[in-house]
Amino acid sequence: MLRGEMICRLGTEKLDAAPPVGPEYTRAERAFRVWMLISAWMYALAGLFFLVLGSGIAPAVNALSAKVFPALPLYPLPAEGPEGKFWLALSLSLMAMITWICRAAYLDLRRNAFLVPVLLLSKFCSSAFYLAFFIGNGQLAHFVGFMTDGPLFLFTAAMWFFAAPGPRLISRDEEDTLAAIGDALFPPGGAFELGFSDFREECLADARKMFAAQDPVSRLGCRVMIRALDLSPMYILFRPVTLRRLPRERRIVTLQKVESHWLPEVRLLLFAVKILAALPFFNRESAARAVGFIREEGCE
């Protein structure tokens, strides 16, 4: 009897969501997990709907288009035959895959976080192609597809943007960008004997403390500015590369061009991100002493 109870208990525990790896889930992570649970059921039920009633979607949209938007061309229905089953199998396989991804993200978000971009890529591609086909052909069926998958993509991407950093508050790509900017501003052997890269982890830890003290809206603004500056080589140098991927010399040149850009908003962007990189660096004792600040005595 005891053995049977243990087996039942173990079987039940396997269905429960795993506890987070490390600190407790943040508020954004908890909200995203709820959305993943809802999405898993939504995509699973949509797959069943496609299987049972999917053949009636296009005719129903055509009927609506003919009645409400008679100027739009109708979506050409497939001829009688087994061709529809071929595309139905592909649709069901996709729905099964994204259902499993959503379930995995809900059960253990941090361990399975690498799967979320696959879900976003799937929704982005379907939204983009639906829109492209609607622009090209003008059929209401494609617009309905775009208005279904487009909002799902945007909402999931927005929630993931908040949840992805987890307890670190900013993503690793944003940390790398901030470190790359700090390294370009304070290279080793430049104005300071030890540069930003010599204190990389300490500076990023201090930067995370600054982000932790911000309200969610301010933190969002800072993260967006860091990402916008990371893309600066694309709109300054017209090169398909991010700032953090450039060697130090090219980073310095790019930041100089941003600093002298004709648009004041671009210059202000660099100024704001400079502060985020400079404050943690000058919190290092060697850098503080180099500019005449001694913690025990204050400014000289």
C-alpha atoms as a PDB file:
ATOM      1  CA  MET A   1       0.000   0.000   0.000  1.00  0.00           C
ATOM      2  CA  LEU A   2       2.773   2.372   0.933  1.00  0.00           C
ATOM      3  CA  ARG A   3       4.633   1.540  -2.267  1.00  0.00           C
ATOM      4  CA  GLY A   4       1.526   2.273  -4.337  1.00  0.00           C
ATOM      5  CA  GLU A   5       1.053   5.634  -2.638  1.00  0.00           C
ATOM      6  CA  MET A   6       4.673   6.549  -3.352  1.00  0.00           C
ATOM      7  CA  ILE A   7       4.315   5.650  -7.030  1.00  0.00           C
ATOM      8  CA  CYS A   8       1.144   7.767  -7.316  1.00  0.00           C
ATOM      9  CA  ARG A   9       2.860  10.668  -5.572  1.00  0.00           C
ATOM     10  CA  LEU A  10       5.894  10.488  -7.872  1.00  0.00           C
ATOM     11  CA  GLY A  11       3.646  10.328 -10.933  1.00  0.00           C
ATOM     12  CA  THR A  12       1.803  13.433  -9.788  1.00  0.00           C
ATOM     13  CA  GLU A  13       4.993  15.360  -9.113  1.00  0.00           C
ATOM     14  CA  LYS A  14       6.173  14.809 -12.685  1.00  0.00           C
ATOM     15  CA  LEU A  15       3.176  16.800 -13.910  1.00  0.00           C
ATOM     16  CA  ASP A  16       3.947  19.769 -11.685  1.00  0.00           C
ATOM     17  CA  ALA A  17       6.045  22.711 -12.813  1.00  0.00           C
ATOM     18  CA  ALA A  18       9.673  22.498 -11.735  1.00  0.00           C
ATOM     19  CA  PRO A  19      10.921  25.066  -9.203  1.00  0.00           C
ATOM     20  CA  PRO A  20      13.078  27.825 -10.702  1.00  0.00           C
ATOM     21  CA  VAL A  21      16.810  27.311 -11.023  1.00  0.00           C
ATOM     22  CA  GLY A  22      18.393  29.820  -8.640  1.00  0.00           C
ATOM     23  CA  PRO A  23      16.334  32.724  -7.242  1.00  0.00           C
ATOM     24  CA  GLU A  24      12.547  32.748  -7.281  1.00  0.00           C
ATOM     25  CA  TYR A  25      10.823  33.699 -10.513  1.00  0.00           C
ATOM     26  CA  THR A  26      10.468  37.415 -11.081  1.00  0.00           C
ATOM     27  CA  ARG A  27       7.062  38.981 -11.593  1.00  0.00           C
ATOM     28  CA  ALA A  28       7.666  39.170 -15.354  1.00  0.00           C
ATOM     29  CA  GLU A  29       8.696  35.507 -15.455  1.00  0.00           C
ATOM     30  CA  ARG A  30       5.595  34.453 -13.538  1.00  0.00           C
ATOM     31  CA  ALA A  31       3.371  36.412 -15.929  1.00  0.00           C
ATOM     32  CA  PHE A  32       5.121  34.867 -18.928  1.00  0.00           C
ATOM     33  CA  ARG A  33       4.677  31.353 -17.522  1.00  0.00           C
ATOM     34  CA  VAL A  34       0.953  31.979 -17.166  1.00  0.00           C
ATOM     35  CA  TRP A  35       0.846  33.135 -20.791  1.00  0.00           C
ATOM     36  CA  MET A  36       2.758  30.023 -21.867  1.00  0.00           C
ATOM     37  CA  LEU A  37       0.217  27.806 -20.090  1.00  0.00           C
ATOM     38  CA  ILE A  38      -2.636  29.640 -21.815  1.00  0.00           C
ATOM     39  CA  SER A  39      -0.789  29.440 -25.140  1.00  0.00           C
ATOM     40  CA  ALA A  40      -0.176  25.694 -24.795  1.00  0.00           C
ATOM     41  CA  TRP A  41      -3.900  25.037 -24.418  1.00  0.00           C
ATOM     42  CA  MET A  42      -4.741  27.569 -27.137  1.00  0.00           C
ATOM     43  CA  TYR A  43      -2.426  25.995 -29.730  1.00  0.00           C
ATOM     44  CA  ALA A  44      -3.462  22.465 -28.769  1.00  0.00           C
ATOM     45  CA  LEU A  45      -7.150  23.291 -29.205  1.00  0.00           C
ATOM     46  CA  ALA A  46      -6.379  25.145 -32.440  1.00  0.00           C
ATOM     47  CA  GLY A  47      -4.663  22.024 -33.767  1.00  0.00           C
ATOM     48  CA  LEU A  48      -7.738  19.933 -32.963  1.00  0.00           C
ATOM     49  CA  PHE A  49      -9.905  22.583 -34.627  1.00  0.00           C
ATOM     50  CA  PHE A  50      -7.761  22.434 -37.772  1.00  0.00           C
ATOM     51  CA  LEU A  51      -8.052  18.657 -37.789  1.00  0.00           C
ATOM     52  CA  VAL A  52     -11.848  18.573 -37.453  1.00  0.00           C
ATOM     53  CA  LEU A  53     -13.092  21.815 -39.014  1.00  0.00           C
ATOM     54  CA  GLY A  54     -10.036  23.292 -40.730  1.00  0.00           C
ATOM     55  CA  SER A  55     -11.380  22.649 -44.226  1.00  0.00           C
ATOM     56  CA  GLY A  56     -14.199  25.104 -43.571  1.00  0.00           C
ATOM     57  CA  ILE A  57     -12.026  28.104 -42.625  1.00  0.00           C
ATOM     58  CA  ALA A  58     -11.164  29.325 -46.130  1.00  0.00           C
ATOM     59  CA  PRO A  59     -14.760  28.981 -47.489  1.00  0.00           C
ATOM     60  CA  ALA A  60     -16.099  30.858 -44.443  1.00  0.00           C
ATOM     61  CA  VAL A  61     -13.606  33.693 -44.907  1.00  0.00           C
ATOM     62  CA  ASN A  62     -14.437  33.818 -48.634  1.00  0.00           C
ATOM     63  CA  ALA A  63     -18.137  34.094 -47.813  1.00  0.00           C
ATOM     64  CA  LEU A  64     -17.425  36.963 -45.417  1.00  0.00           C
ATOM     65  CA  SER A  65     -15.184  38.656 -47.971  1.00  0.00           C
ATOM     66  CA  ALA A  66     -17.812  38.410 -50.734  1.00  0.00           C
ATOM     67  CA  LYS A  67     -20.444  39.924 -48.470  1.00  0.00           C
ATOM     68  CA  VAL A  68     -18.489  42.642 -46.648  1.00  0.00           C
ATOM     69  CA  PHE A  69     -15.532  43.343 -48.960  1.00  0.00           C
ATOM     70  CA  PRO A  70     -16.750  42.515 -52.475  1.00  0.00           C
ATOM     71  CA  ALA A  71     -13.871  44.433 -54.051  1.00  0.00           C
ATOM     72  CA  LEU A  72     -11.308  42.005 -52.646  1.00  0.00           C
ATOM     73  CA  PRO A  73     -10.432  38.900 -54.645  1.00  0.00           C
ATOM     74  CA  LEU A  74     -11.434  35.572 -53.115  1.00  0.00           C
ATOM     75  CA  TYR A  75      -8.934  33.050 -51.840  1.00  0.00           C
ATOM     76  CA  PRO A  76      -8.714  30.231 -54.422  1.00  0.00           C
ATOM     77  CA  LEU A  77     -10.000  27.070 -52.795  1.00  0.00           C
ATOM     78  CA  PRO A  78      -8.054  23.851 -53.467  1.00  0.00           C
ATOM     79  CA  ALA A  79      -9.565  21.459 -55.941  1.00  0.00           C
ATOM     80  CA  GLU A  80     -11.244  18.304 -54.725  1.00  0.00           C
ATOM     81  CA  GLY A  81      -8.564  15.780 -53.827  1.00  0.00           C
ATOM     82  CA  PRO A  82      -6.091  14.752 -51.126  1.00  0.00           C
ATOM     83  CA  GLU A  83      -3.826  17.801 -51.446  1.00  0.00           C
ATOM     84  CA  GLY A  84      -5.421  19.518 -48.454  1.00  0.00           C
ATOM     85  CA  LYS A  85      -4.468  16.585 -46.200  1.00  0.00           C
ATOM     86  CA  PHE A  86      -0.812  17.125 -47.096  1.00  0.00           C
ATOM     87  CA  TRP A  87      -0.832  20.724 -45.859  1.00  0.00           C
ATOM     88  CA  LEU A  88      -3.014  19.760 -42.899  1.00  0.00           C
ATOM     89  CA  ALA A  89      -0.336  17.325 -41.728  1.00  0.00           C
ATOM     90  CA  LEU A  90       2.272  20.093 -41.842  1.00  0.00           C
ATOM     91  CA  SER A  91      -0.022  22.474 -39.952  1.00  0.00           C
ATOM     92  CA  LEU A  92      -0.716  19.903 -37.251  1.00  0.00           C
ATOM     93  CA  SER A  93       2.984  19.142 -36.846  1.00  0.00           C
ATOM     94  CA  LEU A  94       3.685  22.865 -36.363  1.00  0.00           C
ATOM     95  CA  MET A  95       0.877  23.238 -33.831  1.00  0.00           C
ATOM     96  CA  ALA A  96       2.161  20.197 -31.939  1.00  0.00           C
ATOM     97  CA  MET A  97       5.673  21.643 -31.859  1.00  0.00           C
ATOM     98  CA  ILE A  98       4.689  25.076 -30.552  1.00  0.00           C
ATOM     99  CA  THR A  99       2.280  23.496 -28.058  1.00  0.00           C
ATOM    100  CA  TRP A 100       5.164  21.443 -26.680  1.00  0.00           C
ATOM    101  CA  ILE A 101       7.413  24.538 -26.573  1.00  0.00           C
ATOM    102  CA  CYS A 102       4.811  26.501 -24.594  1.00  0.00           C
ATOM    103  CA  ARG A 103       4.323  23.606 -22.188  1.00  0.00           C
ATOM    104  CA  ALA A 104       8.091  23.231 -21.704  1.00  0.00           C
ATOM    105  CA  ALA A 105       8.479  26.976 -21.079  1.00  0.00           C
ATOM    106  CA  TYR A 106       5.700  26.862 -18.495  1.00  0.00           C
ATOM    107  CA  LEU A 107       7.113  23.840 -16.661  1.00  0.00           C
ATOM    108  CA  ASP A 108      10.698  25.134 -16.421  1.00  0.00           C
ATOM    109  CA  LEU A 109      11.129  28.580 -17.953  1.00  0.00           C
ATOM    110  CA  ARG A 110      14.808  29.126 -17.216  1.00  0.00           C
ATOM    111  CA  ARG A 111      15.946  25.685 -18.299  1.00  0.00           C
ATOM    112  CA  ASN A 112      13.878  25.823 -21.496  1.00  0.00           C
ATOM    113  CA  ALA A 113      14.289  29.533 -22.276  1.00  0.00           C
ATOM    114  CA  PHE A 114      16.246  28.691 -25.438  1.00  0.00           C
ATOM    115  CA  LEU A 115      13.017  27.304 -26.949  1.00  0.00           C
ATOM    116  CA  VAL A 116      11.099  30.593 -26.725  1.00  0.00           C
ATOM    117  CA  PRO A 117      12.917  32.227 -29.691  1.00  0.00           C
ATOM    118  CA  VAL A 118      11.826  29.232 -31.804  1.00  0.00           C
ATOM    119  CA  LEU A 119       8.205  29.999 -30.902  1.00  0.00           C
ATOM    120  CA  LEU A 120       8.713  33.679 -31.706  1.00  0.00           C
ATOM    121  CA  LEU A 121      10.366  32.827 -35.025  1.00  0.00           C
ATOM    122  CA  SER A 122       7.416  30.634 -35.977  1.00  0.00           C
ATOM    123  CA  LYS A 123       4.868  33.376 -35.198  1.00  0.00           C
ATOM    124  CA  PHE A 124       6.987  36.054 -36.885  1.00  0.00           C
ATOM    125  CA  CYS A 125       7.342  34.047 -40.097  1.00  0.00           C
ATOM    126  CA  SER A 126       3.647  33.248 -40.334  1.00  0.00           C
ATOM    127  CA  SER A 127       2.718  36.899 -39.634  1.00  0.00           C
ATOM    128  CA  ALA A 128       5.230  38.244 -42.162  1.00  0.00           C
ATOM    129  CA  PHE A 129       4.199  35.859 -44.935  1.00  0.00           C
ATOM    130  CA  TYR A 130       0.490  36.422 -44.312  1.00  0.00           C
ATOM    131  CA  LEU A 131       1.071  40.173 -44.624  1.00  0.00           C
ATOM    132  CA  ALA A 132       3.237  39.761 -47.727  1.00  0.00           C
ATOM    133  CA  PHE A 133       0.629  37.542 -49.394  1.00  0.00           C
ATOM    134  CA  PHE A 134      -2.149  39.988 -48.521  1.00  0.00           C
ATOM    135  CA  ILE A 135      -0.191  42.902 -49.977  1.00  0.00           C
ATOM    136  CA  GLY A 136       0.558  40.862 -53.081  1.00  0.00           C
ATOM    137  CA  ASN A 137      -2.864  39.290 -53.643  1.00  0.00           C
ATOM    138  CA  GLY A 138      -5.316  41.333 -51.567  1.00  0.00           C
ATOM    139  CA  GLN A 139      -7.223  38.272 -50.311  1.00  0.00           C
ATOM    140  CA  LEU A 140      -9.043  38.613 -46.994  1.00  0.00           C
ATOM    141  CA  ALA A 141      -7.961  35.125 -45.889  1.00  0.00           C
ATOM    142  CA  HIS A 142      -4.343  36.262 -45.684  1.00  0.00           C
ATOM    143  CA  PHE A 143      -5.315  39.405 -43.774  1.00  0.00           C
ATOM    144  CA  VAL A 144      -7.247  37.314 -41.254  1.00  0.00           C
ATOM    145  CA  GLY A 145      -4.160  35.139 -40.812  1.00  0.00           C
ATOM    146  CA  PHE A 146      -2.010  38.222 -40.272  1.00  0.00           C
ATOM    147  CA  MET A 147      -4.430  39.710 -37.742  1.00  0.00           C
ATOM    148  CA  THR A 148      -4.428  36.394 -35.866  1.00  0.00           C
ATOM    149  CA  ASP A 149      -0.718  35.590 -35.715  1.00  0.00           C
ATOM    150  CA  GLY A 150       0.553  39.180 -35.719  1.00  0.00           C
ATOM    151  CA  PRO A 151      -0.897  40.201 -32.334  1.00  0.00           C
ATOM    152  CA  LEU A 152       0.113  36.819 -30.871  1.00  0.00           C
ATOM    153  CA  PHE A 153       3.693  37.425 -31.972  1.00  0.00           C
ATOM    154  CA  LEU A 154       3.808  41.000 -30.669  1.00  0.00           C
ATOM    155  CA  PHE A 155       2.227  40.138 -27.318  1.00  0.00           C
ATOM    156  CA  THR A 156       4.460  37.093 -26.749  1.00  0.00           C
ATOM    157  CA  ALA A 157       7.581  39.004 -27.825  1.00  0.00           C
ATOM    158  CA  ALA A 158       6.746  41.918 -25.502  1.00  0.00           C
ATOM    159  CA  MET A 159       6.175  39.629 -22.536  1.00  0.00           C
ATOM    160  CA  TRP A 160       9.374  37.712 -23.294  1.00  0.00           C
ATOM    161  CA  PHE A 161      11.357  40.950 -23.498  1.00  0.00           C
ATOM    162  CA  PHE A 162      10.440  41.645 -19.871  1.00  0.00           C
ATOM    163  CA  ALA A 163      10.826  38.049 -18.679  1.00  0.00           C
ATOM    164  CA  ALA A 164      13.966  36.945 -20.537  1.00  0.00           C
ATOM    165  CA  PRO A 165      16.584  38.573 -18.244  1.00  0.00           C
ATOM    166  CA  GLY A 166      15.142  36.828 -15.183  1.00  0.00           C
ATOM    167  CA  PRO A 167      16.691  37.929 -11.889  1.00  0.00           C
ATOM    168  CA  ARG A 168      19.612  39.558 -13.758  1.00  0.00           C
ATOM    169  CA  LEU A 169      17.169  42.320 -14.869  1.00  0.00           C
ATOM    170  CA  ILE A 170      19.009  42.890 -18.161  1.00  0.00           C
ATOM    171  CA  SER A 171      19.779  40.262 -20.778  1.00  0.00           C
ATOM    172  CA  ARG A 172      23.265  38.883 -21.425  1.00  0.00           C
ATOM    173  CA  ASP A 173      23.297  40.574 -24.841  1.00  0.00           C
ATOM    174  CA  GLU A 174      22.582  43.904 -23.137  1.00  0.00           C
ATOM    175  CA  GLU A 175      25.333  43.210 -20.611  1.00  0.00           C
ATOM    176  CA  ASP A 176      27.749  42.446 -23.462  1.00  0.00           C
ATOM    177  CA  THR A 177      26.730  45.671 -25.209  1.00  0.00           C
ATOM    178  CA  LEU A 178      27.219  47.717 -22.038  1.00  0.00           C
ATOM    179  CA  ALA A 179      30.618  46.090 -21.497  1.00  0.00           C
ATOM    180  CA  ALA A 180      31.601  46.761 -25.130  1.00  0.00           C
ATOM    181  CA  ILE A 181      30.657  50.426 -24.755  1.00  0.00           C
ATOM    182  CA  GLY A 182      32.531  50.675 -21.450  1.00  0.00           C
ATOM    183  CA  ASP A 183      35.589  49.074 -23.032  1.00  0.00           C
ATOM    184  CA  ALA A 184      35.494  51.587 -25.889  1.00  0.00           C
ATOM    185  CA  LEU A 185      35.145  54.520 -23.469  1.00  0.00           C
ATOM    186  CA  PHE A 186      37.749  53.299 -20.978  1.00  0.00           C
ATOM    187  CA  PRO A 187      40.268  51.047 -22.765  1.00  0.00           C
ATOM    188  CA  PRO A 188      43.178  49.614 -20.767  1.00  0.00           C
ATOM    189  CA  GLY A 189      46.286  51.779 -20.982  1.00  0.00           C
ATOM    190  CA  GLY A 190      44.317  54.827 -22.104  1.00  0.00           C
ATOM    191  CA  ALA A 191      43.395  57.620 -19.743  1.00  0.00           C
ATOM    192  CA  PHE A 192      43.406  54.975 -16.995  1.00  0.00           C
ATOM    193  CA  GLU A 193      45.970  52.260 -16.474  1.00  0.00           C
ATOM    194  CA  LEU A 194      43.230  49.699 -15.873  1.00  0.00           C
ATOM    195  CA  GLY A 195      40.254  49.838 -18.202  1.00  0.00           C
ATOM    196  CA  PHE A 196      36.638  48.728 -18.095  1.00  0.00           C
ATOM    197  CA  SER A 197      37.509  45.235 -19.323  1.00  0.00           C
ATOM    198  CA  ASP A 198      39.761  44.714 -16.293  1.00  0.00           C
ATOM    199  CA  PHE A 199      36.721  45.165 -14.022  1.00  0.00           C
ATOM    200  CA  ARG A 200      34.085  43.767 -16.378  1.00  0.00           C
ATOM    201  CA  GLU A 201      32.232  41.533 -13.909  1.00  0.00           C
ATOM    202  CA  GLU A 202      32.421  44.053 -11.068  1.00  0.00           C
ATOM    203  CA  CYS A 203      31.110  46.844 -13.310  1.00  0.00           C
ATOM    204  CA  LEU A 204      28.259  44.713 -14.628  1.00  0.00           C
ATOM    205  CA  ALA A 205      27.338  43.696 -11.080  1.00  0.00           C
ATOM    206  CA  ASP A 206      27.115  47.381 -10.134  1.00  0.00           C
ATOM    207  CA  ALA A 207      25.093  48.080 -13.275  1.00  0.00           C
ATOM    208  CA  ARG A 208      22.610  45.385 -12.257  1.00  0.00           C
ATOM    209  CA  LYS A 209      22.280  47.102  -8.869  1.00  0.00           C
ATOM    210  CA  MET A 210      21.407  50.341 -10.659  1.00  0.00           C
ATOM    211  CA  PHE A 211      18.773  48.558 -12.731  1.00  0.00           C
ATOM    212  CA  ALA A 212      17.381  46.894  -9.604  1.00  0.00           C
ATOM    213  CA  ALA A 213      16.783  50.345  -8.085  1.00  0.00           C
ATOM    214  CA  GLN A 214      14.797  51.516 -11.130  1.00  0.00           C
ATOM    215  CA  ASP A 215      11.074  51.181 -11.648  1.00  0.00           C
ATOM    216  CA  PRO A 216      10.006  48.859 -14.513  1.00  0.00           C
ATOM    217  CA  VAL A 217       9.325  51.706 -16.960  1.00  0.00           C
ATOM    218  CA  SER A 218      12.749  53.337 -16.413  1.00  0.00           C
ATOM    219  CA  ARG A 219      14.448  49.948 -16.693  1.00  0.00           C
ATOM    220  CA  LEU A 220      12.610  49.293 -19.938  1.00  0.00           C
ATOM    221  CA  GLY A 221      13.772  52.637 -21.327  1.00  0.00           C
ATOM    222  CA  CYS A 222      17.400  51.916 -20.437  1.00  0.00           C
ATOM    223  CA  ARG A 223      17.270  48.464 -22.004  1.00  0.00           C
ATOM    224  CA  VAL A 224      15.765  49.863 -25.203  1.00  0.00           C
ATOM    225  CA  MET A 225      18.488  52.547 -25.379  1.00  0.00           C
ATOM    226  CA  ILE A 226      21.238  49.951 -24.920  1.00  0.00           C
ATOM    227  CA  ARG A 227      19.770  47.838 -27.711  1.00  0.00           C
ATOM    228  CA  ALA A 228      19.320  50.867 -29.970  1.00  0.00           C
ATOM    229  CA  LEU A 229      22.960  51.840 -29.507  1.00  0.00           C
ATOM    230  CA  ASP A 230      24.009  48.249 -30.164  1.00  0.00           C
ATOM    231  CA  LEU A 231      22.395  48.593 -33.602  1.00  0.00           C
ATOM    232  CA  SER A 232      24.198  51.878 -34.326  1.00  0.00           C
ATOM    233  CA  PRO A 233      26.646  50.377 -36.885  1.00  0.00           C
ATOM    234  CA  MET A 234      23.625  49.555 -39.044  1.00  0.00           C
ATOM    235  CA  TYR A 235      22.372  53.140 -39.237  1.00  0.00           C
ATOM    236  CA  ILE A 236      25.722  54.924 -38.790  1.00  0.00           C
ATOM    237  CA  LEU A 237      28.151  52.762 -40.772  1.00  0.00           C
ATOM    238  CA  PHE A 238      25.472  50.955 -42.809  1.00  0.00           C
ATOM    239  CA  ARG A 239      27.040  47.626 -41.883  1.00  0.00           C
ATOM    240  CA  PRO A 240      24.992  44.545 -40.892  1.00  0.00           C
ATOM    241  CA  VAL A 241      26.741  44.075 -37.556  1.00  0.00           C
ATOM    242  CA  THR A 242      26.051  45.010 -33.950  1.00  0.00           C
ATOM    243  CA  LEU A 243      28.279  47.306 -31.905  1.00  0.00           C
ATOM    244  CA  ARG A 244      29.269  44.587 -29.446  1.00  0.00           C
ATOM    245  CA  ARG A 245      30.606  42.447 -32.325  1.00  0.00           C
ATOM    246  CA  LEU A 246      32.979  45.122 -33.591  1.00  0.00           C
ATOM    247  CA  PRO A 247      36.653  45.214 -32.543  1.00  0.00           C
ATOM    248  CA  ARG A 248      37.525  47.957 -30.066  1.00  0.00           C
ATOM    249  CA  GLU A 249      38.978  50.332 -32.670  1.00  0.00           C
ATOM    250  CA  ARG A 250      35.856  50.162 -34.826  1.00  0.00           C
ATOM    251  CA  ARG A 251      33.669  50.574 -31.739  1.00  0.00           C
ATOM    252  CA  ILE A 252      35.513  53.763 -30.803  1.00  0.00           C
ATOM    253  CA  VAL A 253      35.096  55.162 -34.331  1.00  0.00           C
ATOM    254  CA  THR A 254      31.392  54.269 -34.349  1.00  0.00           C
ATOM    255  CA  LEU A 255      30.763  55.928 -30.983  1.00  0.00           C
ATOM    256  CA  GLN A 256      32.594  59.054 -32.163  1.00  0.00           C
ATOM    257  CA  LYS A 257      30.305  59.228 -35.182  1.00  0.00           C
ATOM    258  CA  VAL A 258      27.254  58.729 -32.975  1.00  0.00           C
ATOM    259  CA  GLU A 259      28.509  61.539 -30.716  1.00  0.00           C
ATOM    260  CA  SER A 260      28.713  63.922 -33.666  1.00  0.00           C
ATOM    261  CA  HIS A 261      25.525  62.769 -35.371  1.00  0.00           C
ATOM    262  CA  TRP A 262      23.306  65.518 -36.802  1.00  0.00           C
ATOM    263  CA  LEU A 263      20.223  64.178 -35.011  1.00  0.00           C
ATOM    264  CA  PRO A 264      20.176  65.315 -31.351  1.00  0.00           C
ATOM    265  CA  GLU A 265      18.162  62.261 -30.267  1.00  0.00           C
ATOM    266  CA  VAL A 266      20.993  59.987 -31.443  1.00  0.00           C
ATOM    267  CA  ARG A 267      23.580  62.024 -29.528  1.00  0.00           C
ATOM    268  CA  LEU A 268      21.348  61.958 -26.443  1.00  0.00           C
ATOM    269  CA  LEU A 269      21.086  58.182 -26.768  1.00  0.00           C
ATOM    270  CA  LEU A 270      24.851  57.813 -26.483  1.00  0.00           C
ATOM    271  CA  PHE A 271      25.011  60.251 -23.577  1.00  0.00           C
ATOM    272  CA  ALA A 272      22.431  58.249 -21.607  1.00  0.00           C
ATOM    273  CA  VAL A 273      24.140  54.897 -22.195  1.00  0.00           C
ATOM    274  CA  LYS A 274      27.531  56.443 -21.418  1.00  0.00           C
ATOM    275  CA  ILE A 275      26.274  57.183 -17.909  1.00  0.00           C
ATOM    276  CA  LEU A 276      25.204  53.563 -17.450  1.00  0.00           C
ATOM    277  CA  ALA A 277      28.735  52.419 -18.342  1.00  0.00           C
ATOM    278  CA  ALA A 278      30.696  55.213 -16.630  1.00  0.00           C
ATOM    279  CA  LEU A 279      29.116  55.113 -13.176  1.00  0.00           C
ATOM    280  CA  PRO A 280      30.042  51.468 -12.448  1.00  0.00           C
ATOM    281  CA  PHE A 281      33.569  52.051 -13.786  1.00  0.00           C
ATOM    282  CA  PHE A 282      34.202  55.071 -11.553  1.00  0.00           C
ATOM    283  CA  ASN A 283      32.960  53.048  -8.633  1.00  0.00           C
ATOM    284  CA  ARG A 284      36.244  51.123  -8.903  1.00  0.00           C
ATOM    285  CA  GLU A 285      38.803  52.501  -6.477  1.00  0.00           C
ATOM    286  CA  SER A 286      41.651  52.828  -9.002  1.00  0.00           C
ATOM    287  CA  ALA A 287      39.482  54.834 -11.413  1.00  0.00           C
ATOM    288  CA  ALA A 288      38.084  56.987  -8.601  1.00  0.00           C
ATOM    289  CA  ARG A 289      41.563  57.791  -7.286  1.00  0.00           C
ATOM    290  CA  ALA A 290      42.756  58.637 -10.800  1.00  0.00           C
ATOM    291  CA  VAL A 291      40.223  61.476 -10.970  1.00  0.00           C
ATOM    292  CA  GLY A 292      40.998  62.669  -7.449  1.00  0.00           C
ATOM    293  CA  PHE A 293      38.280  60.963  -5.440  1.00  0.00           C
ATOM    294  CA  ILE A 294      39.183  59.083  -2.272  1.00  0.00           C
ATOM    295  CA  ARG A 295      36.287  57.385  -0.530  1.00  0.00           C
ATOM    296  CA  GLU A 296      37.525  58.144   2.956  1.00  0.00           C
ATOM    297  CA  GLU A 297      38.282  61.809   2.257  1.00  0.00           C
ATOM    298  CA  GLY A 298      35.860  62.816  -0.497  1.00  0.00           C
ATOM    299  CA  CYS A 299      36.990  64.937  -3.444  1.00  0.00           C
ATOM    300  CA  GLU A 300      40.403  66.569  -3.281  1.00  0.00           C
END
